[in-house]
C-alpha cells in the first residue's frame, strides 16, 4: 500500500506539500498540485483515516447503538439520524444489538475504542448499556434518545408521552366513546408508563370508569397487539375504543379485529402512537399520535455536535410535543 512518502518521492516534493494538497489547507501552486494529484492516481494512494483522526483528534464519525425491534419506529429514527449525519459531513456507524445484552456491551466498547466523535443511544430500559463502560470513556459526548438509563452528563431527547397518552384518549372521549381500553407497552419502560398515565388522567377527568381487564400490557411488537385485542374481545363487555401505546401494536389489533369479522371504527375505534409511515396506508388509515422522527434524528445530531464543540455545557433535556393525526380509524 502506497504511503504519503511514496507520493512525495514520485511527485518530487516534500511530504508536507503532499499533505497540504490532500487536505487543501494551504496554498500550493497549480503545477505542483497537478504533479501531486497525478502521483496519487498513479500509486492509487488513499489517505489514512486513522492517521488523520489522530492528527486532528476527530474521526468525523458518530456511533449509534440501537436495540433491535421489528417496530418500524426505530428504523425511521435511524433514517433521520443517517440523513442528518450525511448533511453535516459525518459518517454513522450503526450497531444493532438484537436484544442481546452481551453483544450490546461488546458493540458499545467497539464504538468507543474506534474513537467515534460522539455517541447516540437508543436502547430499551430492559437492555441497558453498561454504565461501567460508559464511565471509562467520560470524554465521549453522548445523547440519549427517548429515555436516560443512568445519571451522568448525557443529553436527553424525549417525547412528552404523558401528554401524548392524554391527547389520544381525549380524542376518543370527544368522539363520544365511553368504554375505552388501553393496550400499553411494557411497564418497565418509562414511555409506556407515561402513556398509560396519560390515558388514566383523561379517563378520570371525564369521569369515566376503567373496568377490570381494560388495561392490557403488550411489548410494543405486532403480535402483542393481536393477543391483547383478542383478550379485550373476550371480555363480557367489550370496549368501544382502544388506545394502543404504539402503532406496531395497533397493526396487530387491526389483524385481530379482521379475524373476528369486526369493522374499524364501526365496531371498534383505534388510536395508535408514533405515526409510523405504515399508519397512513392501513385500512382505514390509523389515527395516531405523531412523533417527528426525522426532526428527532436531526435534533439528536445537532445536540450531539453542539456537545462535541462545547463539552463543558450543562446537561440538556429536550422534550418534543406530540400531535394528534386524526384519520379514519376513530
Protein backbone atom coordinates (compact mmCIF):
# COMPACT_ATOMS: atom_id res chain seq x y z
CA UNK A 1 0.00 0.00 0.00
CA UNK A 2 1.40 3.37 -1.06
CA UNK A 3 2.30 5.92 1.60
CA UNK A 4 2.49 9.69 1.60
CA UNK A 5 6.28 9.39 1.32
CA UNK A 6 5.87 7.36 -1.89
CA UNK A 7 3.62 10.08 -3.33
CA UNK A 8 6.11 12.79 -2.35
CA UNK A 9 9.00 10.85 -3.90
CA UNK A 10 7.17 10.32 -7.21
CA UNK A 11 5.97 13.94 -7.38
CA UNK A 12 9.38 15.29 -6.37
CA UNK A 13 8.02 17.30 -3.44
CA UNK A 14 8.04 17.13 0.35
CA UNK A 15 5.55 15.09 2.37
CA UNK A 16 4.22 18.32 3.90
CA UNK A 17 3.38 19.61 0.41
CA UNK A 18 1.52 16.37 -0.33
CA UNK A 19 -0.38 16.83 2.94
CA UNK A 20 -1.33 20.41 2.05
CA UNK A 21 -2.62 19.31 -1.37
CA UNK A 22 -4.66 16.40 0.04
CA UNK A 23 -6.12 18.41 2.91
CA UNK A 24 -6.41 21.62 0.87
CA UNK A 25 -5.32 23.59 3.93
CA UNK A 26 -2.62 25.82 2.42
CA UNK A 27 -1.88 27.46 -0.93
CA UNK A 28 0.02 25.25 -3.37
CA UNK A 29 0.74 26.29 -6.97
CA UNK A 30 -1.43 24.66 -9.62
CA UNK A 31 1.58 23.00 -11.26
CA UNK A 32 2.67 21.33 -8.01
CA UNK A 33 -0.93 20.39 -7.21
CA UNK A 34 -1.24 18.63 -10.58
CA UNK A 35 2.02 16.71 -10.01
CA UNK A 36 0.85 15.54 -6.59
CA UNK A 37 -2.59 14.53 -7.84
CA UNK A 38 -1.03 12.61 -10.76
CA UNK A 39 1.21 10.76 -8.29
CA UNK A 40 -1.79 9.97 -6.09
CA UNK A 41 -3.62 8.46 -9.07
CA UNK A 42 -0.59 6.53 -10.30
CA UNK A 43 0.03 4.95 -6.90
CA UNK A 44 -3.67 4.55 -6.02
CA UNK A 45 -2.88 6.32 -2.78
CA UNK A 46 -5.67 6.65 -0.20
CA UNK A 47 -5.15 8.91 2.84
CA UNK A 48 -5.21 7.10 6.16
CA UNK A 49 -8.38 7.96 8.03
CA UNK A 50 -6.75 6.71 11.23
CA UNK A 51 -3.69 8.94 10.81
CA UNK A 52 -5.90 11.93 10.04
CA UNK A 53 -8.09 11.27 13.06
CA UNK A 54 -5.04 11.07 15.33
CA UNK A 55 -3.70 14.34 13.95
CA UNK A 56 -6.99 16.23 14.12
CA UNK A 57 -8.28 14.38 17.22
CA UNK A 58 -11.57 13.70 15.42
CA UNK A 59 -12.84 10.98 13.10
CA UNK A 60 -15.94 12.68 11.64
CA UNK A 61 -17.87 9.57 12.67
CA UNK A 62 -20.79 9.19 15.06
CA UNK A 63 -21.67 5.88 16.68
CA UNK A 64 -25.26 4.78 17.26
CA UNK A 65 -26.32 1.87 19.44
CA UNK A 66 -29.88 0.63 18.94
CA UNK A 67 -31.84 -2.22 20.49
CA UNK A 68 -33.35 -4.37 17.75
CA UNK A 69 -37.09 -4.32 17.25
CA UNK A 70 -39.49 -5.14 14.46
CA UNK A 71 -41.17 -1.83 15.32
CA UNK A 72 -40.76 0.38 12.21
CA UNK A 73 -40.46 3.42 14.50
CA UNK A 74 -36.82 2.56 15.17
CA UNK A 75 -35.86 2.21 11.50
CA UNK A 76 -37.49 5.56 10.75
CA UNK A 77 -35.49 7.18 13.58
CA UNK A 78 -32.26 5.71 12.17
CA UNK A 79 -33.14 7.01 8.70
CA UNK A 80 -33.48 10.55 10.08
CA UNK A 81 -30.20 10.27 12.01
CA UNK A 82 -28.31 8.92 9.00
CA UNK A 83 -29.60 11.68 6.72
CA UNK A 84 -28.67 14.36 9.25
CA UNK A 85 -25.17 12.90 9.68
CA UNK A 86 -24.56 12.95 5.93
CA UNK A 87 -25.81 16.52 5.57
CA UNK A 88 -23.37 17.63 8.30
CA UNK A 89 -20.35 15.79 6.93
CA UNK A 90 -20.34 12.88 9.39
CA UNK A 91 -20.45 9.12 8.86
CA UNK A 92 -22.74 6.98 11.01
CA UNK A 93 -21.57 3.67 12.50
CA UNK A 94 -24.72 1.75 13.47
CA UNK A 95 -24.72 -1.22 15.87
CA UNK A 96 -27.92 -3.23 16.30
CA UNK A 97 -27.92 -5.34 19.47
CA UNK A 98 -30.91 -7.62 18.68
CA UNK A 99 -31.75 -7.59 22.37
CA UNK A 100 -28.52 -9.37 23.35
CA UNK A 101 -27.00 -7.62 26.38
CA UNK A 102 -23.54 -9.16 25.92
CA UNK A 103 -23.50 -8.17 22.27
CA UNK A 104 -24.73 -4.68 23.16
CA UNK A 105 -21.85 -4.03 25.55
CA UNK A 106 -19.37 -5.52 23.09
CA UNK A 107 -20.69 -3.19 20.38
CA UNK A 108 -20.55 -0.25 22.76
CA UNK A 109 -16.93 -0.98 23.65
CA UNK A 110 -16.07 -1.30 19.95
CA UNK A 111 -17.66 2.04 19.09
CA UNK A 112 -15.82 3.83 21.87
CA UNK A 113 -12.49 2.17 21.05
CA UNK A 114 -12.85 3.31 17.44
CA UNK A 115 -12.72 6.89 18.72
CA UNK A 116 -16.12 7.98 17.44
CA UNK A 117 -16.59 11.71 17.96
CA UNK A 118 -19.95 11.21 19.65
CA UNK A 119 -22.44 8.54 20.62
CA UNK A 120 -26.22 8.20 20.21
CA UNK A 121 -28.01 5.62 22.37
CA UNK A 122 -31.50 4.37 21.52
CA UNK A 123 -31.93 1.42 23.87
CA UNK A 124 -34.75 -0.03 25.92
CA UNK A 125 -34.71 0.00 29.70
CA UNK A 126 -34.68 -3.80 29.81
CA UNK A 127 -31.39 -3.80 27.85
CA UNK A 128 -29.21 -1.08 29.31
CA UNK A 129 -25.69 -0.34 28.12
CA UNK A 130 -23.02 -0.88 30.76
CA UNK A 131 -22.55 2.19 32.93
CA UNK A 132 -19.05 0.90 33.70
CA UNK A 133 -18.08 1.04 30.03
CA UNK A 134 -19.59 4.50 29.60
CA UNK A 135 -17.69 5.87 32.59
CA UNK A 136 -14.42 4.55 31.17
CA UNK A 137 -14.81 6.96 28.26
CA UNK A 138 -16.06 10.11 30.01
CA UNK A 139 -14.88 12.43 27.25
CA UNK A 140 -17.16 10.91 24.58
CA UNK A 141 -20.19 13.22 24.15
CA UNK A 142 -23.38 11.17 24.40
CA UNK A 143 -27.03 11.83 23.59
CA UNK A 144 -29.79 9.54 24.86
CA UNK A 145 -32.91 9.28 22.71
CA UNK A 146 -36.24 8.62 24.44
CA UNK A 147 -35.01 7.94 28.00
CA UNK A 148 -31.90 8.09 30.19
CA UNK A 149 -30.71 4.79 31.74
CA UNK A 150 -28.33 6.30 34.26
CA UNK A 151 -27.31 9.60 35.74
CA UNK A 152 -24.49 11.43 34.05
CA UNK A 153 -23.70 14.16 31.61
CA UNK A 154 -25.69 12.64 28.73
CA UNK A 155 -28.08 14.94 26.93
CA UNK A 156 -31.62 13.56 26.66
CA UNK A 157 -34.21 13.96 23.91
CA UNK A 158 -37.65 12.50 24.54
CA UNK A 159 -41.28 12.91 23.58
CA UNK A 160 -43.92 14.04 26.09
CA UNK A 161 -45.52 10.62 26.48
CA UNK A 162 -47.76 11.74 29.34
CA UNK A 163 -49.33 14.44 27.19
CA UNK A 164 -49.49 12.12 24.17
CA UNK A 165 -51.46 9.46 26.04
CA UNK A 166 -53.83 12.13 27.34
CA UNK A 167 -54.38 13.62 23.86
CA UNK A 168 -55.07 10.21 22.30
CA UNK A 169 -57.62 9.25 24.96
CA UNK A 170 -59.26 12.68 25.00
CA UNK A 171 -59.75 12.42 21.23
CA UNK A 172 -61.73 9.20 21.69
CA UNK A 173 -63.76 10.77 24.51
CA UNK A 174 -64.51 13.79 22.32
CA UNK A 175 -65.73 11.42 19.58
CA UNK A 176 -68.35 10.10 22.01
CA UNK A 177 -66.75 6.83 23.13
CA UNK A 178 -67.17 5.91 26.79
CA UNK A 179 -65.85 2.36 27.12
CA UNK A 180 -62.21 2.95 26.25
CA UNK A 181 -59.42 0.43 26.83
CA UNK A 182 -55.65 0.79 26.67
CA UNK A 183 -53.04 -1.61 25.29
CA UNK A 184 -49.85 -0.35 26.83
CA UNK A 185 -46.21 -1.19 26.22
CA UNK A 186 -44.01 -2.92 28.82
CA UNK A 187 -44.38 -1.15 32.14
CA UNK A 188 -40.62 -1.30 32.76
CA UNK A 189 -40.31 1.34 30.03
CA UNK A 190 -40.81 4.97 31.02
CA UNK A 191 -42.69 5.98 27.82
CA UNK A 192 -45.14 3.09 28.38
CA UNK A 193 -45.85 4.11 31.95
CA UNK A 194 -46.33 7.76 30.99
CA UNK A 195 -48.68 6.97 28.09
CA UNK A 196 -50.75 4.77 30.40
CA UNK A 197 -50.83 7.55 32.99
CA UNK A 198 -51.99 9.99 30.31
CA UNK A 199 -54.82 7.58 29.41
CA UNK A 200 -55.85 7.31 33.05
CA UNK A 201 -55.73 11.08 33.52
CA UNK A 202 -58.05 11.69 30.57
CA UNK A 203 -60.48 9.00 31.72
CA UNK A 204 -60.55 10.39 35.28
CA UNK A 205 -61.07 13.94 34.04
CA UNK A 206 -64.09 12.79 32.04
CA UNK A 207 -65.46 10.81 34.98
CA UNK A 208 -65.19 7.52 33.07
CA UNK A 209 -64.56 4.22 34.82
CA UNK A 210 -61.82 1.81 33.69
CA UNK A 211 -63.32 -1.69 34.13
CA UNK A 212 -61.18 -4.68 35.07
CA UNK A 213 -59.40 -6.08 32.02
CA UNK A 214 -59.42 -2.77 30.11
CA UNK A 215 -55.69 -2.20 30.66
CA UNK A 216 -53.53 -4.82 28.94
CA UNK A 217 -49.74 -4.83 28.82
CA UNK A 218 -48.07 -5.60 25.49
CA UNK A 219 -44.44 -5.43 24.36
CA UNK A 220 -44.59 -2.78 21.60
CA UNK A 221 -44.45 -5.52 18.92
CA UNK A 222 -47.08 -6.50 16.33
CA UNK A 223 -48.02 -9.85 17.88
CA UNK A 224 -48.78 -8.44 21.31
CA UNK A 225 -51.33 -6.07 19.78
CA UNK A 226 -53.13 -9.05 18.24
CA UNK A 227 -53.13 -11.04 21.51
CA UNK A 228 -54.20 -8.02 23.57
CA UNK A 229 -57.10 -7.19 21.26
CA UNK A 230 -58.27 -10.82 21.35
CA UNK A 231 -58.28 -10.59 25.17
CA UNK A 232 -60.37 -7.40 25.02
CA UNK A 233 -62.82 -9.01 22.59
CA UNK A 234 -63.27 -11.91 25.03
CA UNK A 235 -64.48 -9.63 27.84
CA UNK A 236 -68.17 -9.80 28.82
CA UNK A 237 -68.50 -6.11 27.92
CA UNK A 238 -66.01 -5.31 25.21
CA UNK A 239 -64.73 -1.75 24.81
CA UNK A 240 -65.93 0.63 22.10
CA UNK A 241 -62.49 2.09 21.50
CA UNK A 242 -58.84 1.28 22.27
CA UNK A 243 -55.74 3.42 22.67
CA UNK A 244 -52.61 1.42 21.81
CA UNK A 245 -49.26 2.56 23.17
CA UNK A 246 -47.64 2.41 19.72
CA UNK A 247 -48.57 1.85 16.08
CA UNK A 248 -46.99 -1.60 15.83
CA UNK A 249 -49.43 -2.96 18.42
CA UNK A 250 -52.25 -1.17 16.60
CA UNK A 251 -51.34 -3.14 13.44
CA UNK A 252 -51.70 -6.36 15.45
CA UNK A 253 -55.03 -5.12 16.84
CA UNK A 254 -56.27 -4.49 13.28
CA UNK A 255 -55.49 -8.13 12.45
CA UNK A 256 -57.44 -9.40 15.48
CA UNK A 257 -60.47 -7.31 14.53
CA UNK A 258 -60.22 -8.51 10.92
CA UNK A 259 -60.11 -12.16 12.07
CA UNK A 260 -63.17 -11.53 14.28
CA UNK A 261 -65.10 -10.05 11.36
CA UNK A 262 -65.36 -6.64 13.04
CA UNK A 263 -65.08 -3.27 11.36
CA UNK A 264 -62.98 -0.21 12.25
CA UNK A 265 -64.24 2.18 13.54
CA UNK A 266 -67.83 0.83 13.32
CA UNK A 267 -67.32 -1.96 15.85
CA UNK A 268 -64.12 -0.71 17.46
CA UNK A 269 -62.25 2.59 17.17
CA UNK A 270 -58.46 2.67 17.45
CA UNK A 271 -55.80 5.28 18.13
CA UNK A 272 -52.08 4.46 17.92
CA UNK A 273 -48.86 6.24 18.82
CA UNK A 274 -45.72 7.16 16.78
CA UNK A 275 -47.26 7.83 13.33
CA UNK A 276 -45.05 5.34 11.51
CA UNK A 277 -45.17 5.55 7.73
CA UNK A 278 -47.38 2.44 7.51
CA UNK A 279 -50.12 4.12 9.59
CA UNK A 280 -51.48 6.23 6.72
CA UNK A 281 -51.71 3.20 4.39
CA UNK A 282 -53.74 0.94 6.69
CA UNK A 283 -57.43 0.28 6.04
CA UNK A 284 -58.82 2.51 7.34
CA UNK A 285 -55.84 4.85 7.88
CA UNK A 286 -54.79 4.82 11.54
CA UNK A 287 -55.46 7.79 13.82
CA UNK A 288 -52.27 8.21 15.82
CA UNK A 289 -50.03 10.48 17.84
CA UNK A 290 -47.33 11.92 15.63
CA UNK A 291 -43.71 11.78 16.74
CA UNK A 292 -41.50 13.88 14.43
CA UNK A 293 -38.99 11.12 13.69
CA UNK A 294 -36.92 12.96 11.07
CA UNK A 295 -36.85 16.03 13.30
CA UNK A 296 -35.91 13.82 16.26
CA UNK A 297 -32.93 12.43 14.33
CA UNK A 298 -31.88 15.89 13.16
CA UNK A 299 -32.21 17.34 16.65
CA UNK A 300 -30.20 14.48 18.16
CA UNK A 301 -27.32 15.08 15.74
CA UNK A 302 -27.40 18.85 16.25
CA UNK A 303 -27.39 18.46 20.05
CA UNK A 304 -24.53 15.97 19.80
CA UNK A 305 -22.43 18.19 17.52
CA UNK A 306 -23.09 21.12 19.86
CA UNK A 307 -21.97 18.97 22.79
CA UNK A 308 -18.83 17.91 20.88
CA UNK A 309 -17.95 21.55 20.25
CA UNK A 310 -18.69 22.63 23.83
CA UNK A 311 -18.21 19.62 26.13
CA UNK A 312 -18.46 21.77 29.25
CA UNK A 313 -22.13 22.62 28.73
CA UNK A 314 -24.60 21.54 31.40
CA UNK A 315 -26.87 18.58 30.65
CA UNK A 316 -29.72 19.31 28.24
CA UNK A 317 -33.16 17.71 28.40
CA UNK A 318 -35.25 18.44 25.33
CA UNK A 319 -38.87 17.37 25.01
CA UNK A 320 -40.79 17.10 21.74
CA UNK A 321 -44.50 17.92 21.72
CA UNK A 322 -46.82 15.14 20.45
CA UNK A 323 -49.55 15.93 17.91
CA UNK A 324 -52.76 14.07 17.08
CA UNK A 325 -53.15 12.94 13.47
CA UNK A 326 -56.85 12.16 13.02
CA UNK A 327 -57.61 9.59 10.31
CA UNK A 328 -60.28 7.01 9.61
CA UNK A 329 -59.81 4.55 12.48
CA UNK A 330 -61.57 6.73 15.07
